[in-house]
């Protein structure tokens, strides 16, 4: 099993949710108002800030086909936004790590 973490700017949240719906992903966790610092700058994630991130956590079986579909769809979202950010880093990062259910 793998844990897919997708961190994106709030403006991309609906596109990620649509991706999950289109691919039949029914189990995931959404954490809104995530802050931090990285390649796209500092995101507060607190108070009335309009510059916040959303994090999605999706546990996927080691089914290579399903994982490939998800990653391809996220890359397509990234590609659609490249021109809108005029060379700046797009607030969309994907992390994949091993996942083991222990409880």
N, C-alpha and C. Protein backbone atom coordinates (compact mmCIF):
# COMPACT_ATOMS: atom_id res chain seq x y z
N UNK A 1 0.84 -1.17 0.00
CA UNK A 1 0.00 0.00 0.00
C UNK A 1 0.89 1.24 0.00
N UNK A 2 0.42 2.29 -0.66
CA UNK A 2 1.15 3.57 -0.73
C UNK A 2 0.26 4.69 -0.22
N UNK A 3 0.89 5.69 0.39
CA UNK A 3 0.17 6.90 0.81
C UNK A 3 0.55 8.01 -0.15
N UNK A 4 -0.45 8.54 -0.82
CA UNK A 4 -0.27 9.65 -1.74
C UNK A 4 -0.70 10.91 -1.02
N UNK A 5 0.21 11.86 -0.87
CA UNK A 5 -0.09 13.15 -0.27
C UNK A 5 -0.04 14.20 -1.37
N UNK A 6 -1.13 14.91 -1.53
CA UNK A 6 -1.19 15.99 -2.52
C UNK A 6 -1.39 17.28 -1.74
N UNK A 7 -0.47 18.22 -1.92
CA UNK A 7 -0.59 19.53 -1.29
C UNK A 7 -0.75 20.54 -2.40
N UNK A 8 -1.84 21.31 -2.32
CA UNK A 8 -2.11 22.28 -3.39
C UNK A 8 -2.68 23.56 -2.81
N UNK A 9 -2.57 24.63 -3.59
CA UNK A 9 -3.22 25.87 -3.23
C UNK A 9 -4.74 25.65 -3.23
N UNK A 10 -5.44 26.36 -2.38
CA UNK A 10 -6.89 26.18 -2.28
C UNK A 10 -7.60 26.33 -3.63
N UNK A 11 -7.03 27.13 -4.52
CA UNK A 11 -7.66 27.33 -5.83
C UNK A 11 -7.71 26.05 -6.66
N UNK A 12 -6.85 25.08 -6.35
CA UNK A 12 -6.82 23.83 -7.09
C UNK A 12 -7.61 22.71 -6.42
N UNK A 13 -8.16 22.98 -5.25
CA UNK A 13 -8.86 21.96 -4.47
C UNK A 13 -10.00 21.30 -5.25
N UNK A 14 -10.83 22.08 -5.90
CA UNK A 14 -11.97 21.52 -6.64
C UNK A 14 -11.51 20.60 -7.77
N UNK A 15 -10.40 20.94 -8.40
CA UNK A 15 -9.90 20.08 -9.48
C UNK A 15 -9.43 18.73 -8.95
N UNK A 16 -8.82 18.73 -7.78
CA UNK A 16 -8.37 17.47 -7.17
C UNK A 16 -9.58 16.64 -6.77
N UNK A 17 -10.59 17.27 -6.20
CA UNK A 17 -11.81 16.54 -5.82
C UNK A 17 -12.51 15.96 -7.04
N UNK A 18 -12.53 16.70 -8.14
CA UNK A 18 -13.13 16.20 -9.38
C UNK A 18 -12.33 15.00 -9.90
N UNK A 19 -11.01 15.09 -9.82
CA UNK A 19 -10.14 13.98 -10.22
C UNK A 19 -10.51 12.72 -9.42
N UNK A 20 -10.66 12.85 -8.10
CA UNK A 20 -11.01 11.71 -7.26
C UNK A 20 -12.35 11.12 -7.69
N UNK A 21 -13.31 11.99 -7.93
CA UNK A 21 -14.64 11.53 -8.35
C UNK A 21 -14.56 10.79 -9.69
N UNK A 22 -13.85 11.38 -10.65
CA UNK A 22 -13.73 10.78 -11.98
C UNK A 22 -13.03 9.42 -11.95
N UNK A 23 -12.08 9.25 -11.03
CA UNK A 23 -11.33 7.99 -10.94
C UNK A 23 -11.95 7.01 -9.96
N UNK A 24 -13.07 7.41 -9.34
CA UNK A 24 -13.75 6.50 -8.41
C UNK A 24 -13.06 6.35 -7.07
N UNK A 25 -12.26 7.34 -6.68
CA UNK A 25 -11.59 7.30 -5.37
C UNK A 25 -12.58 7.82 -4.34
N UNK A 26 -13.01 6.94 -3.45
CA UNK A 26 -14.03 7.30 -2.47
C UNK A 26 -13.46 7.51 -1.07
N UNK A 27 -12.25 7.03 -0.83
CA UNK A 27 -11.65 7.16 0.48
C UNK A 27 -10.44 8.07 0.45
N UNK A 28 -10.53 9.18 1.16
CA UNK A 28 -9.40 10.11 1.26
C UNK A 28 -9.63 11.03 2.44
N UNK A 29 -8.60 11.71 2.85
CA UNK A 29 -8.67 12.69 3.92
C UNK A 29 -8.31 14.05 3.34
N UNK A 30 -9.06 15.08 3.73
CA UNK A 30 -8.79 16.45 3.31
C UNK A 30 -8.47 17.28 4.55
N UNK A 31 -7.34 17.96 4.50
CA UNK A 31 -6.97 18.87 5.58
C UNK A 31 -6.86 20.26 4.97
N UNK A 32 -7.78 21.12 5.35
CA UNK A 32 -7.82 22.49 4.79
C UNK A 32 -7.02 23.45 5.66
N UNK A 33 -6.59 24.55 5.05
CA UNK A 33 -5.89 25.59 5.78
C UNK A 33 -4.49 25.21 6.20
N UNK A 34 -3.81 24.40 5.38
CA UNK A 34 -2.46 23.95 5.71
C UNK A 34 -1.46 25.06 5.40
N UNK A 35 -0.57 25.30 6.32
CA UNK A 35 0.46 26.31 6.11
C UNK A 35 1.83 25.67 5.99
N UNK A 36 2.80 26.47 5.62
CA UNK A 36 4.17 25.97 5.53
C UNK A 36 5.02 26.88 4.67
N UNK A 37 6.21 26.41 4.39
CA UNK A 37 7.14 27.17 3.57
C UNK A 37 7.83 26.21 2.62
N UNK A 38 7.96 26.63 1.37
CA UNK A 38 8.60 25.78 0.38
C UNK A 38 8.89 26.56 -0.88
N UNK A 39 8.95 25.85 -2.01
CA UNK A 39 9.31 26.45 -3.28
C UNK A 39 8.33 27.52 -3.74
N UNK A 40 7.09 27.42 -3.30
CA UNK A 40 6.10 28.43 -3.73
C UNK A 40 6.02 29.59 -2.75
N UNK A 41 6.86 29.59 -1.72
CA UNK A 41 6.87 30.67 -0.76
C UNK A 41 6.30 30.24 0.58
N UNK A 42 5.91 31.22 1.38
CA UNK A 42 5.34 30.96 2.70
C UNK A 42 3.83 31.05 2.61
N UNK A 43 3.18 30.06 3.20
CA UNK A 43 1.72 30.01 3.24
C UNK A 43 1.34 29.96 4.71
N UNK A 44 0.53 30.92 5.14
CA UNK A 44 0.24 31.05 6.56
C UNK A 44 -0.65 29.93 7.08
N UNK A 45 -1.76 29.65 6.39
CA UNK A 45 -2.66 28.60 6.85
C UNK A 45 -3.43 28.95 8.10
N UNK A 46 -3.36 30.20 8.54
CA UNK A 46 -4.07 30.57 9.76
C UNK A 46 -4.95 31.78 9.53
N UNK A 47 -5.89 31.96 10.43
CA UNK A 47 -6.74 33.15 10.42
C UNK A 47 -7.45 33.38 9.11
N UNK A 48 -7.53 34.62 8.73
CA UNK A 48 -8.25 35.00 7.52
C UNK A 48 -7.38 35.04 6.28
N UNK A 49 -6.23 34.42 6.33
CA UNK A 49 -5.33 34.43 5.18
C UNK A 49 -6.01 33.84 3.96
N UNK A 50 -5.82 34.48 2.81
CA UNK A 50 -6.38 33.95 1.56
C UNK A 50 -5.37 33.07 0.85
N UNK A 51 -4.18 32.99 1.38
CA UNK A 51 -3.10 32.21 0.78
C UNK A 51 -2.90 30.95 1.61
N UNK A 52 -3.79 29.96 1.41
CA UNK A 52 -3.70 28.72 2.19
C UNK A 52 -3.63 27.52 1.26
N UNK A 53 -3.16 26.43 1.80
CA UNK A 53 -3.07 25.18 1.07
C UNK A 53 -4.09 24.18 1.58
N UNK A 54 -4.31 23.17 0.79
CA UNK A 54 -5.13 22.03 1.17
C UNK A 54 -4.27 20.79 0.96
N UNK A 55 -4.38 19.84 1.89
CA UNK A 55 -3.64 18.59 1.76
C UNK A 55 -4.62 17.44 1.67
N UNK A 56 -4.40 16.58 0.69
CA UNK A 56 -5.20 15.38 0.50
C UNK A 56 -4.31 14.19 0.82
N UNK A 57 -4.85 13.24 1.55
CA UNK A 57 -4.14 12.00 1.85
C UNK A 57 -4.98 10.85 1.30
N UNK A 58 -4.37 10.03 0.44
CA UNK A 58 -5.08 8.93 -0.19
C UNK A 58 -4.23 7.67 -0.04
N UNK A 59 -4.77 6.67 0.63
CA UNK A 59 -4.09 5.38 0.74
C UNK A 59 -4.54 4.53 -0.45
N UNK A 60 -3.58 4.10 -1.25
CA UNK A 60 -3.88 3.30 -2.44
C UNK A 60 -3.17 1.96 -2.37
N UNK A 61 -3.87 0.93 -2.79
CA UNK A 61 -3.25 -0.39 -2.89
C UNK A 61 -2.12 -0.31 -3.90
N UNK A 62 -1.24 -1.26 -3.86
CA UNK A 62 -0.10 -1.28 -4.77
C UNK A 62 -0.51 -1.70 -6.19
N UNK A 63 -1.69 -1.28 -6.59
CA UNK A 63 -2.21 -1.54 -7.93
C UNK A 63 -1.58 -0.51 -8.85
N UNK A 64 -0.61 -0.94 -9.62
CA UNK A 64 0.16 -0.02 -10.46
C UNK A 64 -0.72 0.77 -11.43
N UNK A 65 -1.76 0.14 -11.97
CA UNK A 65 -2.62 0.80 -12.95
C UNK A 65 -3.36 1.97 -12.30
N UNK A 66 -3.95 1.75 -11.13
CA UNK A 66 -4.70 2.82 -10.46
C UNK A 66 -3.77 3.97 -10.08
N UNK A 67 -2.61 3.64 -9.52
CA UNK A 67 -1.64 4.66 -9.14
C UNK A 67 -1.22 5.47 -10.36
N UNK A 68 -0.97 4.80 -11.47
CA UNK A 68 -0.58 5.48 -12.70
C UNK A 68 -1.67 6.44 -13.16
N UNK A 69 -2.93 6.04 -13.06
CA UNK A 69 -4.04 6.91 -13.47
C UNK A 69 -4.10 8.17 -12.61
N UNK A 70 -3.94 8.00 -11.31
CA UNK A 70 -3.99 9.15 -10.40
C UNK A 70 -2.85 10.11 -10.70
N UNK A 71 -1.65 9.58 -10.81
CA UNK A 71 -0.49 10.45 -11.05
C UNK A 71 -0.57 11.14 -12.40
N UNK A 72 -1.06 10.44 -13.41
CA UNK A 72 -1.23 11.06 -14.73
C UNK A 72 -2.23 12.21 -14.65
N UNK A 73 -3.33 12.01 -13.95
CA UNK A 73 -4.36 13.05 -13.83
C UNK A 73 -3.84 14.28 -13.08
N UNK A 74 -3.05 14.06 -12.02
CA UNK A 74 -2.47 15.19 -11.28
C UNK A 74 -1.48 15.94 -12.16
N UNK A 75 -0.69 15.21 -12.94
CA UNK A 75 0.25 15.87 -13.86
C UNK A 75 -0.50 16.72 -14.89
N UNK A 76 -1.64 16.24 -15.34
CA UNK A 76 -2.45 17.00 -16.30
C UNK A 76 -2.96 18.30 -15.68
N UNK A 77 -3.36 18.25 -14.41
CA UNK A 77 -3.77 19.48 -13.71
C UNK A 77 -2.59 20.44 -13.66
N UNK A 78 -1.43 19.94 -13.30
CA UNK A 78 -0.22 20.77 -13.24
C UNK A 78 0.05 21.42 -14.59
N UNK A 79 -0.01 20.64 -15.65
CA UNK A 79 0.26 21.15 -17.00
C UNK A 79 -0.73 22.23 -17.40
N UNK A 80 -1.99 22.06 -17.04
CA UNK A 80 -3.01 23.08 -17.38
C UNK A 80 -2.72 24.43 -16.74
N UNK A 81 -2.01 24.43 -15.62
CA UNK A 81 -1.79 25.68 -14.88
C UNK A 81 -0.42 26.30 -15.13
N UNK A 82 0.44 25.64 -15.87
CA UNK A 82 1.80 26.15 -16.09
C UNK A 82 1.79 27.57 -16.64
N UNK A 83 0.99 27.84 -17.64
CA UNK A 83 0.99 29.18 -18.27
C UNK A 83 0.38 30.24 -17.36
N UNK A 84 -0.57 29.87 -16.53
CA UNK A 84 -1.21 30.82 -15.64
C UNK A 84 -0.31 31.35 -14.54
N UNK A 85 0.78 30.64 -14.26
CA UNK A 85 1.68 31.08 -13.19
C UNK A 85 2.92 31.77 -13.73
N UNK A 86 2.99 31.98 -15.04
CA UNK A 86 4.03 32.79 -15.68
C UNK A 86 5.44 32.44 -15.20
N UNK A 87 5.77 31.16 -15.19
CA UNK A 87 7.11 30.74 -14.83
C UNK A 87 7.34 30.55 -13.34
N UNK A 88 6.37 30.92 -12.51
CA UNK A 88 6.50 30.72 -11.08
C UNK A 88 6.14 29.29 -10.72
N UNK A 89 6.56 28.85 -9.58
CA UNK A 89 6.27 27.49 -9.10
C UNK A 89 4.76 27.36 -8.85
N UNK A 90 4.17 26.30 -9.36
CA UNK A 90 2.74 26.04 -9.19
C UNK A 90 2.51 25.43 -7.81
N UNK A 91 1.52 25.91 -7.06
CA UNK A 91 1.28 25.37 -5.72
C UNK A 91 0.59 24.00 -5.79
N UNK A 92 1.34 23.01 -6.25
CA UNK A 92 0.85 21.65 -6.36
C UNK A 92 2.04 20.70 -6.24
N UNK A 93 2.07 19.96 -5.15
CA UNK A 93 3.15 19.01 -4.91
C UNK A 93 2.52 17.66 -4.56
N UNK A 94 3.18 16.60 -5.01
CA UNK A 94 2.69 15.25 -4.76
C UNK A 94 3.83 14.44 -4.14
N UNK A 95 3.51 13.74 -3.07
CA UNK A 95 4.48 12.92 -2.37
C UNK A 95 3.92 11.50 -2.26
N UNK A 96 4.77 10.52 -2.46
CA UNK A 96 4.36 9.13 -2.40
C UNK A 96 5.29 8.40 -1.44
N UNK A 97 4.69 7.68 -0.51
CA UNK A 97 5.50 6.95 0.46
C UNK A 97 4.83 5.63 0.83
N UNK A 98 5.60 4.69 1.36
CA UNK A 98 5.01 3.43 1.78
C UNK A 98 3.98 3.67 2.89
N UNK A 99 2.98 2.81 2.94
CA UNK A 99 1.91 2.97 3.93
C UNK A 99 1.52 1.59 4.44
N UNK A 100 1.42 1.48 5.75
CA UNK A 100 1.03 0.22 6.36
C UNK A 100 -0.08 0.50 7.37
N UNK A 101 -1.19 -0.21 7.25
CA UNK A 101 -2.28 -0.07 8.21
C UNK A 101 -1.89 -0.87 9.46
N UNK A 102 -1.86 -0.23 10.62
CA UNK A 102 -1.50 -0.94 11.84
C UNK A 102 -2.65 -1.05 12.83
N UNK A 103 -3.75 -0.39 12.55
CA UNK A 103 -4.92 -0.46 13.43
C UNK A 103 -6.18 -0.30 12.63
